[in-house]
Amino acid sequence: MGKIQRLAGETVLYGLGSILPRFLNFLLVTLHTDVFPPEEYGVITKVYAYVAVINVIFIFGMETAYFRFASRAGESEKRIFDLAQTVVLTISFLFSVAFILGAAPISDALSIPGRADLVIWLVILMFIDAVAAIPFARLRLQKKALRFAFGKLINITILVGLNVYFLRVSTTYEPDVSFVILANLAANAFYLFFFAPALFSWRPTFDRSISPAMFSYAYPVMITGLAGMTNEMFSRIMLDKWLPEGFYGARSSEFALGIFGACYKLAVLMNLAIQAFRYAAEPFFFSNASEKNSPQLFATVNHYFVIVCCLILLGVSINLDILKYFLADPAYWSGLHIVPILLVAYLFLGIYYNFSVWFKLTDKTYFGTVITVAGMFITVVANYLLIPVAGFEGSAVAALVSYGGMTALCYFLGQRFYPIPYAINKGLIYIGITLALVYAVNAIDIQNQILATAFHVAVLLVYALAIYRIEGKYLRLKRA
């Protein structure tokens, strides 16, 4: 259990650099939904969906390749860092130039006609993200979680501060979507100073033997990441295009997209925990791969991961009557019913990340590409079929079906090539019980908000205590 406890400790530290900044960023939803009507928030949702997808191309899977090659015995970490950074900067620079040259038509496609300047800001923002990606990966490999957290926290502090200034304090201009992008760009510029020593020590490097091997390893990871991000963002890119006119009465498709994007933010609370876990778990899996009991260790990690995610699922789903106030304008509340569906979808995505360790450790990353492309296919088809008949509710269901299918496919393939004794039945039982509790608790209508909140907290605590007793008994029997 010592290694799992260390992993949990590192997850907490990375949470300071991942969950806390993203949670502070999540708080911006309150500001944005108060300042911008759903139609304008829909533009923000769509623009940043494209940014998320393109960022995957810019980084090109080199974070994972860096972990893999820098962890090899006898290899020079500095050399691998230089090689990975060279690939990332070359690719991101070439794409950035192309996007800047085509800024005008791109702005038209993004529903911000005549604002080529905003496209250029977004491109520079993405380029800086790419510049900082490998330096952040280096901090994770070197287990410098506190420095990692410090960099992320300063960035988000600048971002939140500038958003508040531009949208609330300043009276020079009317609030506009452009200020959201400008604040993000200014906050990301901090990374250039934060990583200045690492960036100045970097030397463009190419090795005829290692560079092609890293590229071959990273390319499937990039395709996998691209397909995965498409899974994540596709509905936010296509919802307003595939939604029939008049589906939500007099409301426009951009209005529906704004509601969907805002409610999606509440489900991201699950993804925050998953992301913090991934930052700690990826180097953990690689560093413990050679251990004799590593399959059992990985299975135990996944089991407790599922338990924690079930508690998050329950805690968020039964407290939406409070969390809805993060969406300042009540116009956004009409989409709250999709949040539990999206939470379960994210839970399966987190399990998939755990299951995916087998193809990373066996250097069969092309299987990750196959699985994620299959998930992307499910996402596209499900959205195409469900959006016209169910609106953004259909997109939420499509996410659940896609991530669930990817998880199942990854598990069955993994058991063939790298068997790990996952406690599948116990995990499904925990998920089933949690969903039953969500349904039962939400079916109880308590008019008094204080009493309702007290009841919901009590249910969560009792459930957590019951799990603790069950798992504690299991561990005692195992030791006996």
Protein backbone atom coordinates (compact mmCIF):
# COMPACT_ATOMS: atom_id res chain seq x y z
CA MET A 1 0.00 0.00 0.00
CA GLY A 2 3.00 2.29 0.38
CA LYS A 3 3.27 2.94 -3.34
CA ILE A 4 -0.46 3.63 -3.61
CA GLN A 5 -0.21 6.07 -0.70
CA ARG A 6 2.67 7.87 -2.42
CA LEU A 7 0.63 7.97 -5.61
CA ALA A 8 -2.29 9.46 -3.67
CA GLY A 9 0.03 12.07 -2.15
CA GLU A 10 1.42 13.05 -5.55
CA THR A 11 -2.13 13.19 -6.91
CA VAL A 12 -2.98 15.72 -4.17
CA LEU A 13 0.05 17.82 -5.07
CA TYR A 14 -0.74 17.68 -8.76
CA GLY A 15 -4.27 18.54 -7.78
CA LEU A 16 -2.94 21.84 -6.48
CA GLY A 17 -1.49 22.45 -9.93
CA SER A 18 -4.32 20.90 -11.90
CA ILE A 19 -7.59 20.71 -9.98
CA LEU A 20 -7.26 23.99 -8.10
CA PRO A 21 -6.34 26.10 -11.15
CA ARG A 22 -9.06 24.44 -13.19
CA PHE A 23 -11.50 24.92 -10.35
CA LEU A 24 -10.63 28.61 -10.25
CA ASN A 25 -11.10 28.63 -14.01
CA PHE A 26 -14.42 26.89 -13.41
CA LEU A 27 -15.41 29.80 -11.18
CA LEU A 28 -15.08 32.01 -14.26
CA VAL A 29 -18.21 30.25 -15.53
CA THR A 30 -20.14 32.23 -12.93
CA LEU A 31 -18.68 35.48 -14.24
CA HIS A 32 -19.09 34.57 -17.90
CA THR A 33 -22.68 33.30 -17.55
CA ASP A 34 -23.55 36.49 -15.69
CA VAL A 35 -21.97 38.80 -18.28
CA PHE A 36 -22.71 36.92 -21.50
CA PRO A 37 -26.12 35.63 -22.63
CA PRO A 38 -26.19 31.98 -23.80
CA GLU A 39 -25.80 33.02 -27.46
CA GLU A 40 -22.47 34.76 -26.78
CA TYR A 41 -21.31 32.07 -24.36
CA GLY A 42 -21.97 29.63 -27.18
CA VAL A 43 -19.29 31.43 -29.22
CA ILE A 44 -16.79 31.04 -26.36
CA THR A 45 -17.72 27.35 -26.10
CA LYS A 46 -17.15 26.74 -29.80
CA VAL A 47 -13.88 28.71 -30.07
CA TYR A 48 -12.25 26.91 -27.16
CA ALA A 49 -13.46 23.55 -28.44
CA TYR A 50 -11.40 24.14 -31.58
CA VAL A 51 -8.43 25.31 -29.49
CA ALA A 52 -8.52 22.10 -27.42
CA VAL A 53 -8.46 19.92 -30.56
CA ILE A 54 -5.65 21.86 -32.27
CA ASN A 55 -3.52 21.85 -29.10
CA VAL A 56 -3.28 18.07 -29.42
CA ILE A 57 -1.73 18.44 -32.87
CA PHE A 58 0.72 21.08 -31.66
CA ILE A 59 2.05 18.87 -28.84
CA PHE A 60 2.02 15.78 -31.08
CA GLY A 61 2.05 13.16 -28.32
CA MET A 62 5.57 14.15 -27.30
CA GLU A 63 4.73 14.33 -23.59
CA THR A 64 4.16 10.57 -23.46
CA ALA A 65 7.14 9.91 -25.74
CA TYR A 66 9.30 12.03 -23.45
CA PHE A 67 8.20 9.97 -20.41
CA ARG A 68 8.85 6.70 -22.20
CA PHE A 69 12.31 7.47 -23.59
CA ALA A 70 13.62 9.58 -20.69
CA SER A 71 12.71 6.76 -18.25
CA ARG A 72 14.95 4.24 -19.98
CA ALA A 73 18.02 3.14 -18.06
CA GLY A 74 21.19 4.90 -19.13
CA GLU A 75 19.40 7.47 -21.27
CA SER A 76 20.18 11.19 -20.96
CA GLU A 77 17.05 13.03 -19.83
CA LYS A 78 18.41 16.35 -21.14
CA ARG A 79 18.96 14.84 -24.56
CA ILE A 80 15.42 13.42 -24.72
CA PHE A 81 14.05 16.77 -23.54
CA ASP A 82 15.84 18.59 -26.36
CA LEU A 83 14.64 16.06 -28.92
CA ALA A 84 11.01 16.25 -27.77
CA GLN A 85 11.03 20.04 -27.54
CA THR A 86 12.47 20.29 -31.05
CA VAL A 87 9.62 18.25 -32.51
CA VAL A 88 6.93 20.20 -30.62
CA LEU A 89 8.30 23.63 -31.52
CA THR A 90 8.80 22.73 -35.17
CA ILE A 91 5.28 21.37 -35.65
CA SER A 92 3.53 24.08 -33.65
CA PHE A 93 5.45 26.87 -35.40
CA LEU A 94 4.59 25.60 -38.89
CA PHE A 95 0.91 25.23 -38.04
CA SER A 96 0.86 28.63 -36.33
CA VAL A 97 2.20 30.34 -39.44
CA ALA A 98 -0.44 28.61 -41.59
CA PHE A 99 -3.28 29.59 -39.24
CA ILE A 100 -2.12 33.20 -39.02
CA LEU A 101 -1.98 33.49 -42.79
CA GLY A 102 -5.54 32.16 -42.98
CA ALA A 103 -6.85 34.16 -40.01
CA ALA A 104 -9.55 36.05 -41.94
CA PRO A 105 -11.46 33.03 -43.38
CA ILE A 106 -10.98 31.16 -40.08
CA SER A 107 -12.67 34.00 -38.18
CA ASP A 108 -15.65 33.75 -40.55
CA ALA A 109 -15.88 29.99 -39.91
CA LEU A 110 -15.81 30.55 -36.13
CA SER A 111 -18.80 32.94 -36.26
CA ILE A 112 -16.64 35.96 -35.42
CA PRO A 113 -16.45 37.56 -38.90
CA GLY A 114 -13.98 40.37 -39.35
CA ARG A 115 -12.04 39.46 -36.21
CA ALA A 116 -8.86 37.99 -37.66
CA ASP A 117 -7.06 39.58 -34.71
CA LEU A 118 -8.85 37.19 -32.34
CA VAL A 119 -7.76 34.21 -34.40
CA ILE A 120 -4.15 35.42 -34.25
CA TRP A 121 -4.41 35.77 -30.46
CA LEU A 122 -5.75 32.22 -30.21
CA VAL A 123 -2.92 30.89 -32.37
CA ILE A 124 -0.28 32.59 -30.22
CA LEU A 125 -2.04 31.23 -27.13
CA MET A 126 -1.86 27.67 -28.51
CA PHE A 127 1.79 28.09 -29.50
CA ILE A 128 2.73 29.14 -25.96
CA ASP A 129 0.82 26.12 -24.61
CA ALA A 130 2.94 23.91 -26.86
CA VAL A 131 6.18 25.62 -25.77
CA ALA A 132 5.36 24.88 -22.11
CA ALA A 133 4.10 21.29 -22.59
CA ILE A 134 7.43 19.41 -22.43
CA PRO A 135 8.85 21.59 -19.60
CA PHE A 136 5.74 20.75 -17.56
CA ALA A 137 6.19 17.07 -18.44
CA ARG A 138 9.78 17.31 -17.19
CA LEU A 139 8.55 18.59 -13.82
CA ARG A 140 6.23 15.59 -13.60
CA LEU A 141 9.01 13.13 -14.47
CA GLN A 142 11.33 14.73 -11.92
CA LYS A 143 8.47 14.62 -9.36
CA LYS A 144 8.67 18.39 -8.80
CA ALA A 145 4.96 18.57 -8.04
CA LEU A 146 5.19 21.74 -5.96
CA ARG A 147 6.88 23.70 -8.74
CA PHE A 148 4.35 22.27 -11.19
CA ALA A 149 1.54 23.46 -8.93
CA PHE A 150 3.12 26.89 -8.46
CA GLY A 151 3.34 27.51 -12.21
CA LYS A 152 -0.27 26.48 -12.80
CA LEU A 153 -1.56 28.54 -9.87
CA ILE A 154 0.20 31.73 -10.96
CA ASN A 155 -1.16 31.27 -14.47
CA ILE A 156 -4.75 30.87 -13.31
CA THR A 157 -4.41 33.77 -10.86
CA ILE A 158 -3.45 36.05 -13.73
CA LEU A 159 -6.26 34.64 -15.87
CA VAL A 160 -8.95 35.14 -13.24
CA GLY A 161 -7.65 38.58 -12.30
CA LEU A 162 -7.68 39.82 -15.89
CA ASN A 163 -11.15 38.39 -16.54
CA VAL A 164 -12.51 40.19 -13.49
CA TYR A 165 -10.76 43.40 -14.53
CA PHE A 166 -11.89 43.36 -18.16
CA LEU A 167 -15.46 42.21 -17.53
CA ARG A 168 -16.23 43.84 -14.16
CA VAL A 169 -13.78 46.57 -13.15
CA SER A 170 -12.89 48.34 -16.38
CA THR A 171 -15.47 50.83 -17.67
CA THR A 172 -13.56 51.75 -20.82
CA TYR A 173 -15.17 49.13 -23.05
CA GLU A 174 -18.31 47.05 -23.10
CA PRO A 175 -17.74 43.39 -22.09
CA ASP A 176 -16.83 41.37 -25.16
CA VAL A 177 -15.70 37.82 -25.98
CA SER A 178 -12.36 39.23 -27.13
CA PHE A 179 -11.45 40.13 -23.54
CA VAL A 180 -11.76 36.47 -22.51
CA ILE A 181 -9.26 35.48 -25.20
CA LEU A 182 -6.90 38.38 -24.42
CA ALA A 183 -6.88 37.49 -20.71
CA ASN A 184 -6.02 33.89 -21.57
CA LEU A 185 -3.18 34.96 -23.85
CA ALA A 186 -1.69 37.27 -21.24
CA ALA A 187 -1.89 34.55 -18.57
CA ASN A 188 -0.17 32.00 -20.80
CA ALA A 189 2.61 34.46 -21.58
CA PHE A 190 3.70 33.96 -17.95
CA TYR A 191 4.92 30.46 -18.88
CA LEU A 192 7.64 31.97 -21.05
CA PHE A 193 9.13 33.59 -17.94
CA PHE A 194 8.43 30.62 -15.67
CA PHE A 195 10.31 28.21 -17.94
CA ALA A 196 12.93 30.69 -19.15
CA PRO A 197 15.92 28.68 -17.78
CA ALA A 198 14.71 25.46 -19.42
CA LEU A 199 13.87 27.21 -22.69
CA PHE A 200 17.24 29.01 -22.87
CA SER A 201 19.09 25.76 -22.15
CA TRP A 202 17.19 23.94 -24.93
CA ARG A 203 19.14 23.25 -28.09
CA PRO A 204 17.51 22.19 -31.37
CA THR A 205 18.46 18.53 -31.67
CA PHE A 206 17.89 15.65 -34.06
CA ASP A 207 19.18 12.10 -33.62
CA ARG A 208 18.98 9.70 -36.55
CA SER A 209 18.20 6.75 -34.31
CA ILE A 210 16.18 8.19 -31.42
CA SER A 211 14.22 10.97 -33.15
CA PRO A 212 12.46 8.64 -35.64
CA ALA A 213 11.76 6.18 -32.81
CA MET A 214 10.24 8.93 -30.66
CA PHE A 215 8.24 10.21 -33.61
CA SER A 216 6.94 6.70 -34.35
CA TYR A 217 5.99 6.26 -30.69
CA ALA A 218 4.36 9.70 -30.41
CA TYR A 219 2.45 9.73 -33.70
CA PRO A 220 -0.13 7.10 -32.64
CA VAL A 221 -0.39 8.85 -29.27
CA MET A 222 -1.16 12.11 -31.08
CA ILE A 223 -3.79 10.43 -33.27
CA THR A 224 -5.23 8.87 -30.14
CA GLY A 225 -5.26 12.24 -28.38
CA LEU A 226 -6.78 13.92 -31.41
CA ALA A 227 -9.54 11.35 -31.62
CA GLY A 228 -10.03 11.58 -27.86
CA MET A 229 -10.29 15.37 -27.93
CA THR A 230 -12.70 15.08 -30.85
CA ASN A 231 -14.78 12.81 -28.62
CA GLU A 232 -14.67 15.50 -25.97
CA MET A 233 -15.32 18.54 -28.15
CA PHE A 234 -17.23 17.27 -31.19
CA SER A 235 -20.67 17.98 -29.77
CA ARG A 236 -19.65 21.54 -28.91
CA ILE A 237 -18.40 22.04 -32.47
CA MET A 238 -21.37 20.48 -34.28
CA LEU A 239 -24.37 21.00 -31.98
CA ASP A 240 -25.48 24.30 -33.51
CA LYS A 241 -25.01 22.88 -37.02
CA TRP A 242 -26.99 19.64 -36.53
CA LEU A 243 -29.70 21.03 -34.27
CA PRO A 244 -32.93 21.46 -36.28
CA GLU A 245 -34.25 25.01 -36.53
CA GLY A 246 -36.87 25.67 -33.88
CA PHE A 247 -35.98 22.58 -31.83
CA TYR A 248 -35.99 24.69 -28.66
CA GLY A 249 -38.83 26.93 -29.79
CA ALA A 250 -37.83 30.52 -30.43
CA ARG A 251 -34.36 29.93 -29.00
CA SER A 252 -31.47 29.81 -31.47
CA SER A 253 -29.03 26.92 -31.86
CA GLU A 254 -26.29 29.20 -30.45
CA PHE A 255 -28.47 29.64 -27.34
CA ALA A 256 -28.67 25.85 -26.94
CA LEU A 257 -24.90 25.56 -27.44
CA GLY A 258 -24.30 28.13 -24.72
CA ILE A 259 -26.50 26.20 -22.25
CA PHE A 260 -24.83 22.91 -23.16
CA GLY A 261 -21.34 24.37 -22.80
CA ALA A 262 -22.11 25.94 -19.43
CA CYS A 263 -23.71 22.78 -17.98
CA TYR A 264 -20.79 20.74 -19.31
CA LYS A 265 -18.60 22.79 -16.98
CA LEU A 266 -20.36 21.30 -13.96
CA ALA A 267 -19.54 17.80 -15.20
CA VAL A 268 -15.91 18.86 -15.60
CA LEU A 269 -15.65 18.63 -11.79
CA MET A 270 -15.19 14.89 -12.36
CA ASN A 271 -12.62 15.48 -15.07
CA LEU A 272 -10.58 17.71 -12.76
CA ALA A 273 -9.99 14.81 -10.38
CA ILE A 274 -9.20 12.50 -13.29
CA GLN A 275 -6.67 14.95 -14.72
CA ALA A 276 -4.85 15.34 -11.40
CA PHE A 277 -4.72 11.55 -11.07
CA ARG A 278 -3.34 11.19 -14.62
CA TYR A 279 -0.51 13.64 -13.96
CA ALA A 280 0.68 11.48 -11.07
CA ALA A 281 -0.30 8.07 -12.49
CA GLU A 282 1.38 8.18 -15.90
CA PRO A 283 4.96 8.40 -14.57
CA PHE A 284 3.91 6.07 -11.72
CA PHE A 285 2.85 3.34 -14.17
CA PHE A 286 6.06 3.64 -16.19
CA SER A 287 8.35 3.62 -13.14
CA ASN A 288 6.64 0.53 -11.62
CA ALA A 289 6.18 -1.44 -14.85
CA SER A 290 9.19 -3.69 -14.15
CA GLU A 291 7.97 -4.69 -10.68
CA LYS A 292 6.91 -8.33 -10.32
CA ASN A 293 3.53 -7.45 -8.79
CA SER A 294 2.81 -4.52 -11.11
CA PRO A 295 -0.40 -6.04 -12.63
CA GLN A 296 -1.94 -6.43 -9.17
CA LEU A 297 -0.71 -2.97 -8.20
CA PHE A 298 -2.32 -1.41 -11.29
CA ALA A 299 -5.57 -3.26 -10.60
CA THR A 300 -5.65 -1.97 -7.02
CA VAL A 301 -5.00 1.59 -8.20
CA ASN A 302 -7.93 1.38 -10.62
CA HIS A 303 -10.23 -0.06 -7.96
CA TYR A 304 -9.72 2.83 -5.57
CA PHE A 305 -9.89 5.26 -8.47
CA VAL A 306 -13.40 3.99 -9.28
CA ILE A 307 -14.46 4.36 -5.65
CA VAL A 308 -13.29 7.99 -5.45
CA CYS A 309 -15.00 8.81 -8.76
CA CYS A 310 -18.25 7.25 -7.52
CA LEU A 311 -18.17 9.55 -4.50
CA ILE A 312 -17.65 12.53 -6.80
CA LEU A 313 -20.52 11.34 -9.02
CA LEU A 314 -22.84 11.12 -6.03
CA GLY A 315 -21.69 14.37 -4.43
CA VAL A 316 -22.17 16.45 -7.56
CA SER A 317 -25.37 14.82 -8.83
CA ILE A 318 -27.36 15.20 -5.61
CA ASN A 319 -26.24 18.79 -5.04
CA LEU A 320 -27.10 20.35 -8.38
CA ASP A 321 -29.69 22.48 -6.61
CA ILE A 322 -26.71 24.30 -5.05
CA LEU A 323 -24.16 23.97 -7.82
CA LYS A 324 -26.59 25.51 -10.31
CA TYR A 325 -25.82 28.91 -8.77
CA PHE A 326 -22.37 28.72 -10.35
CA LEU A 327 -24.33 29.42 -13.54
CA ALA A 328 -25.34 32.96 -12.68
CA ASP A 329 -28.18 33.38 -15.17
CA PRO A 330 -31.15 31.03 -14.53
CA ALA A 331 -31.49 30.74 -18.31
CA TYR A 332 -28.66 28.19 -18.15
CA TRP A 333 -30.39 25.95 -15.58
CA SER A 334 -32.57 24.22 -18.15
CA GLY A 335 -29.66 21.92 -19.02
CA LEU A 336 -28.79 20.70 -15.52
CA HIS A 337 -30.42 17.31 -16.07
CA ILE A 338 -27.57 16.28 -18.43
CA VAL A 339 -24.89 16.71 -15.75
CA PRO A 340 -25.20 13.20 -14.16
CA ILE A 341 -25.01 11.62 -17.63
CA LEU A 342 -21.82 13.53 -18.39
CA LEU A 343 -20.35 12.67 -14.98
CA VAL A 344 -20.77 8.95 -15.67
CA ALA A 345 -19.24 9.48 -19.12
CA TYR A 346 -16.19 11.10 -17.55
CA LEU A 347 -15.96 8.29 -14.99
CA PHE A 348 -15.66 5.74 -17.80
CA LEU A 349 -13.12 7.97 -19.52
CA GLY A 350 -11.01 7.90 -16.35
CA ILE A 351 -11.23 4.11 -16.20
CA TYR A 352 -10.19 3.98 -19.84
CA TYR A 353 -7.06 6.00 -19.01
CA ASN A 354 -6.17 3.40 -16.38
CA PHE A 355 -6.84 0.49 -18.73
CA SER A 356 -4.73 2.11 -21.46
CA VAL A 357 -1.53 1.46 -19.50
CA TRP A 358 -1.14 -1.92 -21.26
CA PHE A 359 -0.52 -0.55 -24.75
CA LYS A 360 1.80 2.19 -23.46
CA LEU A 361 3.97 -0.26 -21.54
CA THR A 362 4.11 -2.78 -24.41
CA ASP A 363 4.86 -0.07 -27.00
CA LYS A 364 1.67 -1.03 -28.85
CA THR A 365 0.38 2.54 -28.90
CA TYR A 366 -1.30 1.93 -32.24
CA PHE A 367 -3.98 0.03 -30.31
CA GLY A 368 -4.74 3.27 -28.50
CA THR A 369 -5.26 4.86 -31.89
CA VAL A 370 -7.63 2.10 -32.98
CA ILE A 371 -9.64 2.27 -29.75
CA THR A 372 -9.94 6.03 -29.68
CA VAL A 373 -10.78 6.30 -33.37
CA ALA A 374 -13.52 3.73 -32.71
CA GLY A 375 -14.76 5.98 -29.91
CA MET A 376 -14.63 8.99 -32.22
CA PHE A 377 -16.70 7.08 -34.79
CA ILE A 378 -19.28 6.31 -32.09
CA THR A 379 -19.29 9.98 -31.05
CA VAL A 380 -19.86 11.25 -34.57
CA VAL A 381 -22.59 8.72 -35.41
CA ALA A 382 -24.34 9.04 -32.05
CA ASN A 383 -24.37 12.85 -32.23
CA TYR A 384 -25.60 12.74 -35.82
CA LEU A 385 -28.46 10.43 -34.84
CA LEU A 386 -29.34 11.90 -31.45
CA ILE A 387 -28.95 15.68 -31.81
CA PRO A 388 -31.87 16.04 -34.27
CA VAL A 389 -34.21 14.08 -31.97
CA ALA A 390 -32.90 14.88 -28.47
CA GLY A 391 -30.89 18.10 -28.78
CA PHE A 392 -28.02 18.55 -26.37
CA GLU A 393 -29.41 15.70 -24.26
CA GLY A 394 -28.50 13.47 -27.20
CA SER A 395 -24.94 14.80 -27.15
CA ALA A 396 -24.64 13.90 -23.46
CA VAL A 397 -25.82 10.34 -24.13
CA ALA A 398 -23.43 10.11 -27.09
CA ALA A 399 -20.50 10.95 -24.79
CA LEU A 400 -21.52 8.20 -22.36
CA VAL A 401 -21.91 5.59 -25.11
CA SER A 402 -18.57 6.54 -26.67
CA TYR A 403 -16.50 6.47 -23.48
CA GLY A 404 -18.20 3.32 -22.26
CA GLY A 405 -17.46 1.58 -25.55
CA MET A 406 -13.82 2.67 -25.51
CA THR A 407 -13.40 1.39 -21.95
CA ALA A 408 -14.85 -2.02 -22.78
CA LEU A 409 -12.77 -2.41 -25.95
CA CYS A 410 -9.56 -1.36 -24.18
CA TYR A 411 -10.19 -3.84 -21.36
CA PHE A 412 -10.78 -6.86 -23.58
CA LEU A 413 -7.77 -6.12 -25.79
CA GLY A 414 -5.59 -5.46 -22.76
CA GLN A 415 -6.45 -8.78 -21.15
CA ARG A 416 -5.13 -10.49 -24.26
CA PHE A 417 -1.78 -8.71 -24.50
CA TYR A 418 -1.05 -7.56 -20.92
CA PRO A 419 -3.41 -9.26 -18.41
CA ILE A 420 -4.23 -7.20 -15.34
CA PRO A 421 -6.65 -8.60 -12.71
CA TYR A 422 -9.04 -5.65 -12.56
CA ALA A 423 -11.98 -5.97 -10.18
CA ILE A 424 -14.52 -5.34 -12.94
CA ASN A 425 -17.58 -6.73 -11.17
CA LYS A 426 -16.93 -4.81 -7.96
CA GLY A 427 -16.39 -1.61 -9.93
CA LEU A 428 -19.65 -2.02 -11.84
CA ILE A 429 -21.49 -2.76 -8.59
CA TYR A 430 -20.16 0.47 -7.04
CA ILE A 431 -21.18 2.45 -10.13
CA GLY A 432 -24.64 0.83 -10.14
CA ILE A 433 -25.25 1.51 -6.45
CA THR A 434 -24.09 5.11 -6.87
CA LEU A 435 -26.48 5.72 -9.78
CA ALA A 436 -29.33 4.15 -7.81
CA LEU A 437 -28.59 6.49 -4.91
CA VAL A 438 -28.50 9.49 -7.27
CA TYR A 439 -31.93 8.58 -8.64
CA ALA A 440 -33.42 7.84 -5.21
CA VAL A 441 -32.08 10.98 -3.50
CA ASN A 442 -33.09 13.29 -6.36
CA ALA A 443 -36.60 11.78 -6.29
CA ILE A 444 -37.07 13.03 -2.70
CA ASP A 445 -38.40 16.58 -2.84
CA ILE A 446 -37.37 18.60 0.22
CA GLN A 447 -38.56 22.18 -0.06
CA ASN A 448 -36.32 23.62 2.64
CA GLN A 449 -32.90 24.19 1.08
CA ILE A 450 -30.98 23.86 4.37
CA LEU A 451 -32.66 20.56 5.22
CA ALA A 452 -32.15 19.30 1.67
CA THR A 453 -28.45 20.13 1.75
CA ALA A 454 -28.03 18.51 5.18
CA PHE A 455 -29.76 15.38 3.91
CA HIS A 456 -27.57 15.22 0.80
CA VAL A 457 -24.37 15.66 2.81
CA ALA A 458 -25.52 12.95 5.23
CA VAL A 459 -26.17 10.54 2.36
CA LEU A 460 -22.72 11.20 0.93
CA LEU A 461 -20.99 10.73 4.32
CA VAL A 462 -22.90 7.52 5.10
CA TYR A 463 -22.05 6.12 1.67
CA ALA A 464 -18.38 7.02 2.10
CA LEU A 465 -18.35 5.41 5.57
CA ALA A 466 -19.99 2.26 4.24
CA ILE A 467 -17.38 1.99 1.49
CA TYR A 468 -14.62 2.52 4.04
CA ARG A 469 -15.96 -0.27 6.22
CA ILE A 470 -16.32 -2.64 3.26
CA GLU A 471 -12.89 -1.91 1.85
CA GLY A 472 -11.25 -1.99 5.27
CA LYS A 473 -12.74 -5.42 5.91
CA TYR A 474 -11.52 -6.57 2.49
CA LEU A 475 -7.97 -5.39 3.18
CA ARG A 476 -7.92 -7.08 6.61
CA LEU A 477 -9.04 -10.37 5.05
CA LYS A 478 -6.41 -10.01 2.36
CA ARG A 479 -3.62 -9.52 4.90
CA ALA A 480 -4.84 -12.45 7.04
